[in-house]
Amino acid sequence: MAKKVFKIIGIILAVIVLAVFLFLLWNYIRIQRGDLVKWDNQWYTQKELEEKFPPQEYDVPAKNTPEQIYAKFRQALLDNDIELALEQIREENRDGYREAFKDEEKLKEWIGELPENIIKENEYNNLAYYDLDMGTEYKNTVSFTKNQNGYWEIDQI
């Protein structure tokens, strides 16, 4: 009787070990094929990854230029039209800039330092980077993102 119990327990353990081994092997194969991806310490299938992080490339023609957006942004600040300036910034980032613009003293100082023109550094698909020559030894960059409708917006300045 005891031998029979040990035999059954042994078979059950062997099946469990085999199942775990096959599961790990299956996941290893999925990882090697690129079907399973680890991002931010979480595992995602290709479909889950695309849903959570949609592609950032939009193959649409641009309806404006980063230079136009910067000029409109700068002029709005010079005219003290904060809301128009905020409209040139990506919606996800507006609240942070709205808070920063509340400090009127720093805002006036910053507006005075903004150059009239920006210098194109790099543009790739829907991302563009421009240099701001603010007369300091440090590099100041403004980044733009083209949205799905083809409009450039300030991502960070």
C-alpha atoms as a PDB file:
ATOM      1  CA  MET A   1       0.000   0.000   0.000  1.00  0.00           C
ATOM      2  CA  ALA A   2       2.792   2.454   0.918  1.00  0.00           C
ATOM      3  CA  LYS A   3       4.605   1.611  -2.318  1.00  0.00           C
ATOM      4  CA  LYS A   4       1.482   2.378  -4.288  1.00  0.00           C
ATOM      5  CA  VAL A   5       1.075   5.795  -2.551  1.00  0.00           C
ATOM      6  CA  PHE A   6       4.744   6.656  -3.163  1.00  0.00           C
ATOM      7  CA  LYS A   7       4.380   5.591  -6.781  1.00  0.00           C
ATOM      8  CA  ILE A   8       1.285   7.797  -7.262  1.00  0.00           C
ATOM      9  CA  ILE A   9       2.976  10.756  -5.523  1.00  0.00           C
ATOM     10  CA  GLY A  10       6.079  10.189  -7.664  1.00  0.00           C
ATOM     11  CA  ILE A  11       4.001  10.165 -10.850  1.00  0.00           C
ATOM     12  CA  ILE A  12       2.163  13.335  -9.781  1.00  0.00           C
ATOM     13  CA  LEU A  13       5.462  15.091  -8.977  1.00  0.00           C
ATOM     14  CA  ALA A  14       6.956  13.952 -12.281  1.00  0.00           C
ATOM     15  CA  VAL A  15       3.923  15.293 -14.168  1.00  0.00           C
ATOM     16  CA  ILE A  16       4.174  18.627 -12.294  1.00  0.00           C
ATOM     17  CA  VAL A  17       7.922  18.905 -12.972  1.00  0.00           C
ATOM     18  CA  LEU A  18       7.355  18.002 -16.631  1.00  0.00           C
ATOM     19  CA  ALA A  19       4.526  20.562 -16.913  1.00  0.00           C
ATOM     20  CA  VAL A  20       6.709  23.306 -15.372  1.00  0.00           C
ATOM     21  CA  PHE A  21       9.595  22.358 -17.672  1.00  0.00           C
ATOM     22  CA  LEU A  22       7.350  22.442 -20.756  1.00  0.00           C
ATOM     23  CA  PHE A  23       5.851  25.785 -19.673  1.00  0.00           C
ATOM     24  CA  LEU A  24       9.327  27.301 -19.235  1.00  0.00           C
ATOM     25  CA  LEU A  25      10.459  25.845 -22.564  1.00  0.00           C
ATOM     26  CA  TRP A  26       7.351  27.232 -24.289  1.00  0.00           C
ATOM     27  CA  ASN A  27       7.976  30.708 -22.826  1.00  0.00           C
ATOM     28  CA  TYR A  28      11.666  30.515 -23.782  1.00  0.00           C
ATOM     29  CA  ILE A  29      10.674  29.766 -27.381  1.00  0.00           C
ATOM     30  CA  ARG A  30       8.164  32.659 -27.357  1.00  0.00           C
ATOM     31  CA  ILE A  31      10.864  35.018 -26.053  1.00  0.00           C
ATOM     32  CA  GLN A  32      13.325  33.891 -28.736  1.00  0.00           C
ATOM     33  CA  ARG A  33      10.744  34.421 -31.489  1.00  0.00           C
ATOM     34  CA  GLY A  34       9.848  37.855 -30.123  1.00  0.00           C
ATOM     35  CA  ASP A  35       6.297  36.876 -29.195  1.00  0.00           C
ATOM     36  CA  LEU A  36       6.922  37.628 -25.512  1.00  0.00           C
ATOM     37  CA  VAL A  37       8.665  40.853 -24.478  1.00  0.00           C
ATOM     38  CA  LYS A  38       9.738  42.148 -21.074  1.00  0.00           C
ATOM     39  CA  TRP A  39       9.161  45.874 -20.583  1.00  0.00           C
ATOM     40  CA  ASP A  40       9.332  47.707 -17.261  1.00  0.00           C
ATOM     41  CA  ASN A  41       9.646  44.396 -15.383  1.00  0.00           C
ATOM     42  CA  GLN A  42       6.432  43.042 -16.898  1.00  0.00           C
ATOM     43  CA  TRP A  43       5.975  40.468 -19.621  1.00  0.00           C
ATOM     44  CA  TYR A  44       3.804  41.339 -22.614  1.00  0.00           C
ATOM     45  CA  THR A  45       2.731  39.537 -25.730  1.00  0.00           C
ATOM     46  CA  GLN A  46       3.280  41.445 -28.952  1.00  0.00           C
ATOM     47  CA  LYS A  47      -0.428  42.322 -29.095  1.00  0.00           C
ATOM     48  CA  GLU A  48      -0.535  43.565 -25.479  1.00  0.00           C
ATOM     49  CA  LEU A  49       2.588  45.635 -26.068  1.00  0.00           C
ATOM     50  CA  GLU A  50       1.114  47.291 -29.169  1.00  0.00           C
ATOM     51  CA  GLU A  51      -2.122  48.063 -27.285  1.00  0.00           C
ATOM     52  CA  LYS A  52      -0.338  49.546 -24.283  1.00  0.00           C
ATOM     53  CA  PHE A  53       2.333  51.390 -26.293  1.00  0.00           C
ATOM     54  CA  PRO A  54       0.887  52.220 -29.722  1.00  0.00           C
ATOM     55  CA  PRO A  55       3.285  53.038 -32.559  1.00  0.00           C
ATOM     56  CA  GLN A  56       4.494  56.620 -32.533  1.00  0.00           C
ATOM     57  CA  GLU A  57       4.941  57.032 -36.268  1.00  0.00           C
ATOM     58  CA  TYR A  58       2.252  58.759 -38.235  1.00  0.00           C
ATOM     59  CA  ASP A  59       2.627  58.629 -41.959  1.00  0.00           C
ATOM     60  CA  VAL A  60       0.649  61.807 -42.558  1.00  0.00           C
ATOM     61  CA  PRO A  61       1.874  64.958 -44.241  1.00  0.00           C
ATOM     62  CA  ALA A  62       2.703  67.818 -41.898  1.00  0.00           C
ATOM     63  CA  LYS A  63       0.197  70.669 -41.853  1.00  0.00           C
ATOM     64  CA  ASN A  64       2.556  73.076 -40.110  1.00  0.00           C
ATOM     65  CA  THR A  65       6.232  73.269 -39.184  1.00  0.00           C
ATOM     66  CA  PRO A  66       8.021  73.275 -35.838  1.00  0.00           C
ATOM     67  CA  GLU A  67       9.345  76.750 -36.693  1.00  0.00           C
ATOM     68  CA  GLN A  68       5.779  78.053 -37.091  1.00  0.00           C
ATOM     69  CA  ILE A  69       4.710  76.499 -33.799  1.00  0.00           C
ATOM     70  CA  TYR A  70       7.689  77.959 -31.944  1.00  0.00           C
ATOM     71  CA  ALA A  71       7.089  81.415 -33.451  1.00  0.00           C
ATOM     72  CA  LYS A  72       3.411  81.262 -32.461  1.00  0.00           C
ATOM     73  CA  PHE A  73       4.340  80.042 -28.961  1.00  0.00           C
ATOM     74  CA  ARG A  74       6.948  82.777 -28.468  1.00  0.00           C
ATOM     75  CA  GLN A  75       4.668  85.528 -29.801  1.00  0.00           C
ATOM     76  CA  ALA A  76       1.815  84.370 -27.565  1.00  0.00           C
ATOM     77  CA  LEU A  77       4.110  84.603 -24.533  1.00  0.00           C
ATOM     78  CA  LEU A  78       5.318  88.054 -25.593  1.00  0.00           C
ATOM     79  CA  ASP A  79       1.667  89.112 -25.938  1.00  0.00           C
ATOM     80  CA  ASN A  80       0.961  87.599 -22.496  1.00  0.00           C
ATOM     81  CA  ASP A  81      -1.535  85.178 -24.071  1.00  0.00           C
ATOM     82  CA  ILE A  82      -0.732  82.164 -21.904  1.00  0.00           C
ATOM     83  CA  GLU A  83      -3.626  80.044 -23.187  1.00  0.00           C
ATOM     84  CA  LEU A  84      -2.558  80.453 -26.824  1.00  0.00           C
ATOM     85  CA  ALA A  85       0.996  79.548 -25.830  1.00  0.00           C
ATOM     86  CA  LEU A  86      -0.273  76.453 -24.002  1.00  0.00           C
ATOM     87  CA  GLU A  87      -2.223  75.381 -27.105  1.00  0.00           C
ATOM     88  CA  GLN A  88       1.116  74.939 -28.897  1.00  0.00           C
ATOM     89  CA  ILE A  89       2.212  72.375 -26.278  1.00  0.00           C
ATOM     90  CA  ARG A  90       1.128  68.730 -26.327  1.00  0.00           C
ATOM     91  CA  GLU A  91      -2.015  68.251 -24.290  1.00  0.00           C
ATOM     92  CA  GLU A  92      -0.355  65.717 -21.973  1.00  0.00           C
ATOM     93  CA  ASN A  93       2.250  68.303 -20.945  1.00  0.00           C
ATOM     94  CA  ARG A  94       0.108  71.441 -20.670  1.00  0.00           C
ATOM     95  CA  ASP A  95      -0.692  71.195 -16.966  1.00  0.00           C
ATOM     96  CA  GLY A  96       2.986  71.193 -16.024  1.00  0.00           C
ATOM     97  CA  TYR A  97       3.649  74.283 -18.119  1.00  0.00           C
ATOM     98  CA  ARG A  98       0.485  75.970 -16.832  1.00  0.00           C
ATOM     99  CA  GLU A  99       1.876  75.574 -13.298  1.00  0.00           C
ATOM    100  CA  ALA A 100       5.311  76.829 -14.342  1.00  0.00           C
ATOM    101  CA  PHE A 101       3.804  79.892 -16.039  1.00  0.00           C
ATOM    102  CA  LYS A 102       2.076  80.943 -12.804  1.00  0.00           C
ATOM    103  CA  ASP A 103       5.385  82.291 -11.464  1.00  0.00           C
ATOM    104  CA  GLU A 104       5.197  85.604 -13.328  1.00  0.00           C
ATOM    105  CA  GLU A 105       8.667  86.792 -12.366  1.00  0.00           C
ATOM    106  CA  LYS A 106      10.400  83.678 -13.686  1.00  0.00           C
ATOM    107  CA  LEU A 107       8.128  83.675 -16.737  1.00  0.00           C
ATOM    108  CA  LYS A 108       9.088  87.248 -17.682  1.00  0.00           C
ATOM    109  CA  GLU A 109      12.772  86.424 -17.255  1.00  0.00           C
ATOM    110  CA  TRP A 110      12.409  83.289 -19.358  1.00  0.00           C
ATOM    111  CA  ILE A 111      10.430  85.050 -22.103  1.00  0.00           C
ATOM    112  CA  GLY A 112      13.146  87.687 -22.345  1.00  0.00           C
ATOM    113  CA  GLU A 113      15.734  84.966 -22.965  1.00  0.00           C
ATOM    114  CA  LEU A 114      13.763  83.113 -25.661  1.00  0.00           C
ATOM    115  CA  PRO A 115      15.501  83.568 -29.014  1.00  0.00           C
ATOM    116  CA  GLU A 116      13.521  84.681 -32.029  1.00  0.00           C
ATOM    117  CA  ASN A 117      14.700  81.754 -34.152  1.00  0.00           C
ATOM    118  CA  ILE A 118      15.452  78.122 -33.466  1.00  0.00           C
ATOM    119  CA  ILE A 119      18.103  75.969 -35.128  1.00  0.00           C
ATOM    120  CA  LYS A 120      17.121  72.577 -36.531  1.00  0.00           C
ATOM    121  CA  GLU A 121      19.156  69.810 -34.952  1.00  0.00           C
ATOM    122  CA  ASN A 122      17.406  66.613 -35.986  1.00  0.00           C
ATOM    123  CA  GLU A 123      14.112  65.442 -37.451  1.00  0.00           C
ATOM    124  CA  TYR A 124      12.976  61.854 -37.719  1.00  0.00           C
ATOM    125  CA  ASN A 125       9.454  60.872 -38.759  1.00  0.00           C
ATOM    126  CA  ASN A 126       7.204  62.507 -36.180  1.00  0.00           C
ATOM    127  CA  LEU A 127       9.933  63.819 -33.848  1.00  0.00           C
ATOM    128  CA  ALA A 128      11.995  66.974 -34.288  1.00  0.00           C
ATOM    129  CA  TYR A 129      14.653  68.587 -32.119  1.00  0.00           C
ATOM    130  CA  TYR A 130      15.742  72.205 -32.345  1.00  0.00           C
ATOM    131  CA  ASP A 131      18.397  74.171 -30.481  1.00  0.00           C
ATOM    132  CA  LEU A 132      17.590  77.347 -28.601  1.00  0.00           C
ATOM    133  CA  ASP A 133      20.530  79.725 -28.531  1.00  0.00           C
ATOM    134  CA  MET A 134      19.872  81.410 -25.192  1.00  0.00           C
ATOM    135  CA  GLY A 135      23.367  82.817 -24.826  1.00  0.00           C
ATOM    136  CA  THR A 136      24.486  80.312 -22.212  1.00  0.00           C
ATOM    137  CA  GLU A 137      27.184  77.682 -22.329  1.00  0.00           C
ATOM    138  CA  TYR A 138      24.542  74.986 -21.916  1.00  0.00           C
ATOM    139  CA  LYS A 139      22.625  73.419 -24.751  1.00  0.00           C
ATOM    140  CA  ASN A 140      18.922  74.197 -24.687  1.00  0.00           C
ATOM    141  CA  THR A 141      16.689  72.019 -26.817  1.00  0.00           C
ATOM    142  CA  VAL A 142      13.052  72.217 -27.762  1.00  0.00           C
ATOM    143  CA  SER A 143      11.467  68.975 -28.924  1.00  0.00           C
ATOM    144  CA  PHE A 144       8.427  68.702 -31.149  1.00  0.00           C
ATOM    145  CA  THR A 145       6.065  65.824 -31.850  1.00  0.00           C
ATOM    146  CA  LYS A 146       3.799  65.498 -34.869  1.00  0.00           C
ATOM    147  CA  ASN A 147       0.371  64.220 -33.865  1.00  0.00           C
ATOM    148  CA  GLN A 148      -1.873  61.815 -35.784  1.00  0.00           C
ATOM    149  CA  ASN A 149      -3.476  64.686 -37.670  1.00  0.00           C
ATOM    150  CA  GLY A 150      -0.143  65.984 -38.963  1.00  0.00           C
ATOM    151  CA  TYR A 151       0.180  68.990 -36.643  1.00  0.00           C
ATOM    152  CA  TRP A 152       3.470  69.643 -34.890  1.00  0.00           C
ATOM    153  CA  GLU A 153       3.283  70.407 -31.164  1.00  0.00           C
ATOM    154  CA  ILE A 154       5.891  71.364 -28.603  1.00  0.00           C
ATOM    155  CA  ASP A 155       6.724  68.341 -26.512  1.00  0.00           C
ATOM    156  CA  GLN A 156       9.300  69.930 -24.252  1.00  0.00           C
ATOM    157  CA  ILE A 157      10.978  73.304 -24.079  1.00  0.00           C
END
